Amino acid sequence: MRVALFLTCVNDTLYPGTGRAVVRLLNRLGVDVDFPLGQTCCGQPHYNTGYRRQAEPLAHRFADVFADYDAIVTPSGSCGAMVRELYPRMGRRAEAEGRGSSLAEAVAKVVPVTYELTEFLVDILGVTDVGAYFPHTVTYHPTCHGLRSLGLGERPRQLLAAVKGLELMELPGAEECCGFGGTFAMKKADVSASMGRDKVAAAVATGAAALCTADNSCLMHIGGIIRRQDEDIRPLHIAEILASTEDEPLT
């Protein structure tokens, strides 16, 4: 199986450690991972702001860069949802507008083999115990794209439950949005910040040492509020927890 890491813009720019954690985790499970240097933004910010046609060249580029891989793994539910849910829609719209089928045909090759990290682990590799060690209390926030677009369901929780030493704390109102929403956080900043404060308050109330998600875009929003309020809880991507072992613990 030829596996590629689709890191995403947010991770590449702000959270490169998440990408390293994904590679370390997959290598430990016997998976060789390529990192195609030609990858760029998937076009999600453009599409969500109403610039659908401007996002099309980015969808074409994604399809070209990742065309030869058997699996494309991303540590981002929102970018994974962009590829899986919105690329086909973009292709259909382009055809309906009389602009040909090239986009639809290009993305048809990559959409079925694009997986969010926890999907890939549970559904493709067939593992829930990845040999991780993280002796701390953790609460999990299921992000909107992972929950509603990708239907990740219990996969992240199954993986966390199998981590040695980890105690999983239930997050009140877990399915409520954290308020990030990409450009929503800029257009409706006050509402976004208020929703984020509610999410942080719920996480702090669990008494957990760490709050984890499967998407750093949401974690950036939540983590910013945690730092501003000087809360005693650590924001972490699930990949960092799963990559942690007794021999190489997360510091």
Protein backbone atom coordinates (compact mmCIF):
# COMPACT_ATOMS: atom_id res chain seq x y z
CA MET A 1 0.00 0.00 0.00
CA ARG A 2 1.34 3.41 -1.02
CA VAL A 3 0.31 5.86 1.69
CA ALA A 4 0.64 9.64 1.53
CA LEU A 5 0.36 12.19 4.30
CA PHE A 6 -1.87 15.16 3.48
CA LEU A 7 -0.68 17.48 6.23
CA THR A 8 -2.90 20.56 5.49
CA CYS A 9 -2.01 24.24 5.72
CA VAL A 10 -2.80 24.74 9.40
CA ASN A 11 -0.62 21.83 10.46
CA ASP A 12 2.21 22.69 8.08
CA THR A 13 2.30 26.30 9.26
CA LEU A 14 1.40 26.08 12.95
CA TYR A 15 1.44 22.44 14.09
CA PRO A 16 4.22 20.56 12.28
CA GLY A 17 4.58 18.33 15.34
CA THR A 18 1.24 16.77 14.48
CA GLY A 19 2.56 15.66 11.11
CA ARG A 20 5.66 14.18 12.71
CA ALA A 21 3.44 12.36 15.21
CA VAL A 22 1.34 10.87 12.39
CA VAL A 23 4.43 9.59 10.59
CA ARG A 24 5.95 8.19 13.79
CA LEU A 25 2.66 6.45 14.66
CA LEU A 26 2.14 4.94 11.22
CA ASN A 27 5.77 3.85 10.94
CA ARG A 28 5.41 2.07 14.27
CA LEU A 29 2.43 0.20 12.82
CA GLY A 30 4.47 -0.89 9.80
CA VAL A 31 3.22 1.72 7.33
CA ASP A 32 5.68 3.62 5.13
CA VAL A 33 4.47 7.17 4.56
CA ASP A 34 5.31 9.53 1.70
CA PHE A 35 5.01 13.30 1.96
CA PRO A 36 4.41 14.71 -1.53
CA LEU A 37 6.06 18.12 -1.59
CA GLY A 38 3.68 19.39 -4.28
CA GLN A 39 0.70 19.46 -1.92
CA THR A 40 -0.93 22.81 -1.20
CA CYS A 41 -4.14 24.10 0.37
CA CYS A 42 -7.19 21.94 -0.38
CA GLY A 43 -9.28 25.05 -1.08
CA GLN A 44 -11.54 24.87 1.94
CA PRO A 45 -11.14 28.53 3.00
CA HIS A 46 -11.97 29.66 -0.54
CA TYR A 47 -14.98 27.39 -0.89
CA ASN A 48 -16.43 28.25 2.52
CA THR A 49 -16.12 31.96 1.78
CA GLY A 50 -18.02 31.67 -1.50
CA TYR A 51 -15.11 31.42 -3.95
CA ARG A 52 -15.98 28.02 -5.37
CA ARG A 53 -14.40 28.53 -8.78
CA GLN A 54 -11.19 29.81 -7.24
CA ALA A 55 -11.03 26.59 -5.21
CA GLU A 56 -11.25 24.40 -8.32
CA PRO A 57 -7.55 24.69 -9.36
CA LEU A 58 -6.61 23.59 -5.84
CA ALA A 59 -8.87 20.54 -6.13
CA HIS A 60 -7.25 19.71 -9.47
CA ARG A 61 -3.81 20.06 -7.92
CA PHE A 62 -4.75 17.81 -5.00
CA ALA A 63 -5.96 15.17 -7.46
CA ASP A 64 -2.73 15.42 -9.48
CA VAL A 65 -0.38 15.33 -6.49
CA PHE A 66 -2.06 12.37 -4.77
CA ALA A 67 -3.23 10.44 -7.86
CA ASP A 68 -0.82 7.51 -7.50
CA TYR A 69 -1.46 6.66 -3.84
CA ASP A 70 -3.56 3.83 -2.45
CA ALA A 71 -4.42 5.85 0.66
CA ILE A 72 -4.24 9.54 1.56
CA VAL A 73 -4.20 10.11 5.32
CA THR A 74 -4.87 13.47 6.95
CA PRO A 75 -4.88 14.54 10.61
CA SER A 76 -7.64 17.04 9.82
CA GLY A 77 -11.34 16.19 9.78
CA SER A 78 -12.26 19.48 8.14
CA CYS A 79 -9.82 19.13 5.23
CA GLY A 80 -10.72 15.47 4.89
CA ALA A 81 -14.36 16.48 4.64
CA MET A 82 -13.48 19.07 2.00
CA VAL A 83 -12.03 16.34 -0.20
CA ARG A 84 -14.61 13.67 0.50
CA GLU A 85 -17.79 15.75 0.64
CA LEU A 86 -17.20 18.94 -1.32
CA TYR A 87 -14.83 17.93 -4.13
CA PRO A 88 -17.52 15.71 -5.73
CA ARG A 89 -20.03 18.54 -5.33
CA MET A 90 -17.64 20.95 -7.03
CA GLY A 91 -17.20 18.51 -9.91
CA ARG A 92 -20.97 18.14 -10.36
CA ARG A 93 -21.49 21.91 -10.28
CA ALA A 94 -18.79 22.47 -12.92
CA GLU A 95 -20.47 19.90 -15.17
CA ALA A 96 -23.90 21.44 -14.59
CA GLU A 97 -22.50 24.82 -15.60
CA GLY A 98 -21.26 23.39 -18.88
CA ARG A 99 -17.56 23.53 -18.01
CA GLY A 100 -16.81 19.90 -18.66
CA SER A 101 -16.18 16.82 -16.55
CA SER A 102 -12.42 17.15 -16.00
CA LEU A 103 -12.73 18.14 -12.34
CA ALA A 104 -15.26 15.42 -11.55
CA GLU A 105 -13.09 12.80 -13.24
CA ALA A 106 -9.91 13.98 -11.51
CA VAL A 107 -11.28 14.00 -7.97
CA ALA A 108 -13.08 10.67 -8.46
CA LYS A 109 -9.69 8.97 -8.17
CA VAL A 110 -8.72 10.49 -4.81
CA VAL A 111 -12.02 10.94 -2.96
CA PRO A 112 -12.54 7.24 -2.11
CA VAL A 113 -9.02 6.79 -0.77
CA THR A 114 -8.82 9.91 1.43
CA TYR A 115 -9.06 9.09 5.12
CA GLU A 116 -8.98 11.04 8.34
CA LEU A 117 -6.29 9.50 10.60
CA THR A 118 -8.59 7.67 13.03
CA GLU A 119 -10.61 6.24 10.12
CA PHE A 120 -7.44 4.91 8.55
CA LEU A 121 -6.29 3.31 11.78
CA VAL A 122 -9.59 1.63 12.65
CA ASP A 123 -11.11 0.89 9.23
CA ILE A 124 -8.10 0.25 7.01
CA LEU A 125 -5.41 -1.00 9.40
CA GLY A 126 -7.98 -2.64 11.66
CA VAL A 127 -6.37 -1.51 14.92
CA THR A 128 -7.62 0.29 18.00
CA ASP A 129 -4.70 -0.46 20.31
CA VAL A 130 -1.74 1.27 18.68
CA GLY A 131 0.66 0.62 21.55
CA ALA A 132 0.38 4.14 22.95
CA TYR A 133 1.16 5.24 26.49
CA PHE A 134 -0.18 8.47 28.00
CA PRO A 135 -0.70 8.32 31.78
CA HIS A 136 -3.01 11.32 32.09
CA THR A 137 -6.68 12.23 32.20
CA VAL A 138 -8.02 13.29 28.80
CA THR A 139 -11.31 14.65 27.51
CA TYR A 140 -12.22 14.43 23.81
CA HIS A 141 -14.01 17.04 21.67
CA PRO A 142 -15.55 15.57 18.48
CA THR A 143 -15.20 18.37 15.93
CA CYS A 144 -18.11 19.26 13.65
CA HIS A 145 -16.60 18.03 10.39
CA GLY A 146 -15.45 14.79 11.95
CA LEU A 147 -18.78 14.25 13.63
CA ARG A 148 -21.23 15.41 10.97
CA SER A 149 -19.42 15.23 7.63
CA LEU A 150 -17.13 12.22 8.04
CA GLY A 151 -19.15 10.34 10.64
CA LEU A 152 -16.09 9.38 12.69
CA GLY A 153 -18.37 8.21 15.48
CA GLU A 154 -16.63 6.18 18.17
CA ARG A 155 -13.36 5.63 16.31
CA PRO A 156 -11.35 8.33 18.16
CA ARG A 157 -12.77 7.27 21.51
CA GLN A 158 -11.96 3.61 20.81
CA LEU A 159 -8.36 4.55 20.09
CA LEU A 160 -8.10 6.71 23.22
CA ALA A 161 -9.70 4.03 25.40
CA ALA A 162 -6.94 1.59 24.38
CA VAL A 163 -4.10 3.93 25.35
CA LYS A 164 -2.20 2.56 28.34
CA GLY A 165 -2.52 4.78 31.41
CA LEU A 166 -5.07 7.14 29.86
CA GLU A 167 -8.30 7.90 31.70
CA LEU A 168 -10.98 9.25 29.37
CA MET A 169 -13.26 11.88 30.93
CA GLU A 170 -16.68 12.62 29.43
CA LEU A 171 -16.99 16.13 27.98
CA PRO A 172 -20.34 17.82 28.74
CA GLY A 173 -22.02 19.07 25.55
CA ALA A 174 -19.38 17.25 23.52
CA GLU A 175 -21.31 17.50 20.25
CA GLU A 176 -21.72 21.28 20.47
CA CYS A 177 -19.56 23.32 18.07
CA CYS A 178 -16.50 24.99 19.58
CA GLY A 179 -17.23 28.13 17.56
CA PHE A 180 -14.27 28.13 15.18
CA GLY A 181 -15.91 27.40 11.84
CA GLY A 182 -13.01 28.69 9.75
CA THR A 183 -13.87 32.14 8.38
CA PHE A 184 -16.90 32.20 10.72
CA ALA A 185 -14.45 33.03 13.52
CA MET A 186 -13.53 36.24 11.65
CA LYS A 187 -16.97 37.17 10.37
CA LYS A 188 -18.73 36.52 13.68
CA ALA A 189 -15.85 36.93 16.11
CA ASP A 190 -17.92 37.68 19.22
CA VAL A 191 -20.20 34.68 18.71
CA SER A 192 -17.23 32.46 17.90
CA ALA A 193 -15.35 33.52 21.03
CA SER A 194 -18.41 33.01 23.22
CA MET A 195 -18.92 29.48 21.89
CA GLY A 196 -15.23 28.78 22.43
CA ARG A 197 -15.39 29.95 26.04
CA ASP A 198 -18.34 27.60 26.64
CA LYS A 199 -16.35 24.70 25.21
CA VAL A 200 -13.31 25.50 27.35
CA ALA A 201 -15.47 25.81 30.48
CA ALA A 202 -16.96 22.37 29.78
CA ALA A 203 -13.49 20.87 29.28
CA VAL A 204 -12.08 22.44 32.44
CA ALA A 205 -15.08 21.16 34.42
CA THR A 206 -14.06 17.56 33.62
CA GLY A 207 -10.85 17.99 35.59
CA ALA A 208 -8.89 16.47 32.70
CA ALA A 209 -5.24 17.31 32.21
CA ALA A 210 -5.63 17.44 28.42
CA LEU A 211 -8.31 18.23 25.85
CA CYS A 212 -7.82 16.46 22.54
CA THR A 213 -9.44 16.66 19.12
CA ALA A 214 -8.77 15.19 15.69
CA ASP A 215 -8.49 18.62 14.04
CA ASN A 216 -5.98 21.35 14.86
CA SER A 217 -8.08 24.12 13.33
CA CYS A 218 -10.60 23.71 16.15
CA LEU A 219 -7.79 23.10 18.62
CA MET A 220 -6.19 26.40 17.58
CA HIS A 221 -9.40 28.22 18.53
CA ILE A 222 -9.90 26.30 21.77
CA GLY A 223 -6.22 26.46 22.65
CA GLY A 224 -6.13 30.22 22.17
CA ILE A 225 -8.90 30.66 24.69
CA ILE A 226 -7.22 28.25 27.11
CA ARG A 227 -4.03 30.33 26.95
CA ARG A 228 -5.84 33.68 27.29
CA GLN A 229 -7.73 32.43 30.33
CA ASP A 230 -4.64 30.69 31.71
CA GLU A 231 -6.56 27.45 32.23
CA ASP A 232 -4.81 24.38 33.58
CA ILE A 233 -5.62 22.05 30.68
CA ARG A 234 -3.43 21.14 27.72
CA PRO A 235 -4.76 21.17 24.14
CA LEU A 236 -3.47 18.19 22.13
CA HIS A 237 -4.12 16.58 18.78
CA ILE A 238 -5.08 12.92 19.10
CA ALA A 239 -2.12 11.96 16.89
CA GLU A 240 0.30 13.24 19.53
CA ILE A 241 -1.31 11.06 22.20
CA LEU A 242 -1.40 7.99 19.96
CA ALA A 243 2.24 8.49 18.95
CA SER A 244 3.36 8.64 22.59
CA THR A 245 4.92 5.44 24.03
CA GLU A 246 6.70 4.43 27.21
CA ASP A 247 10.02 4.55 25.37
CA GLU A 248 9.22 7.83 23.58
CA PRO A 249 6.66 9.65 25.76
CA LEU A 250 5.03 12.91 24.75
CA THR A 251 6.74 15.69 26.65
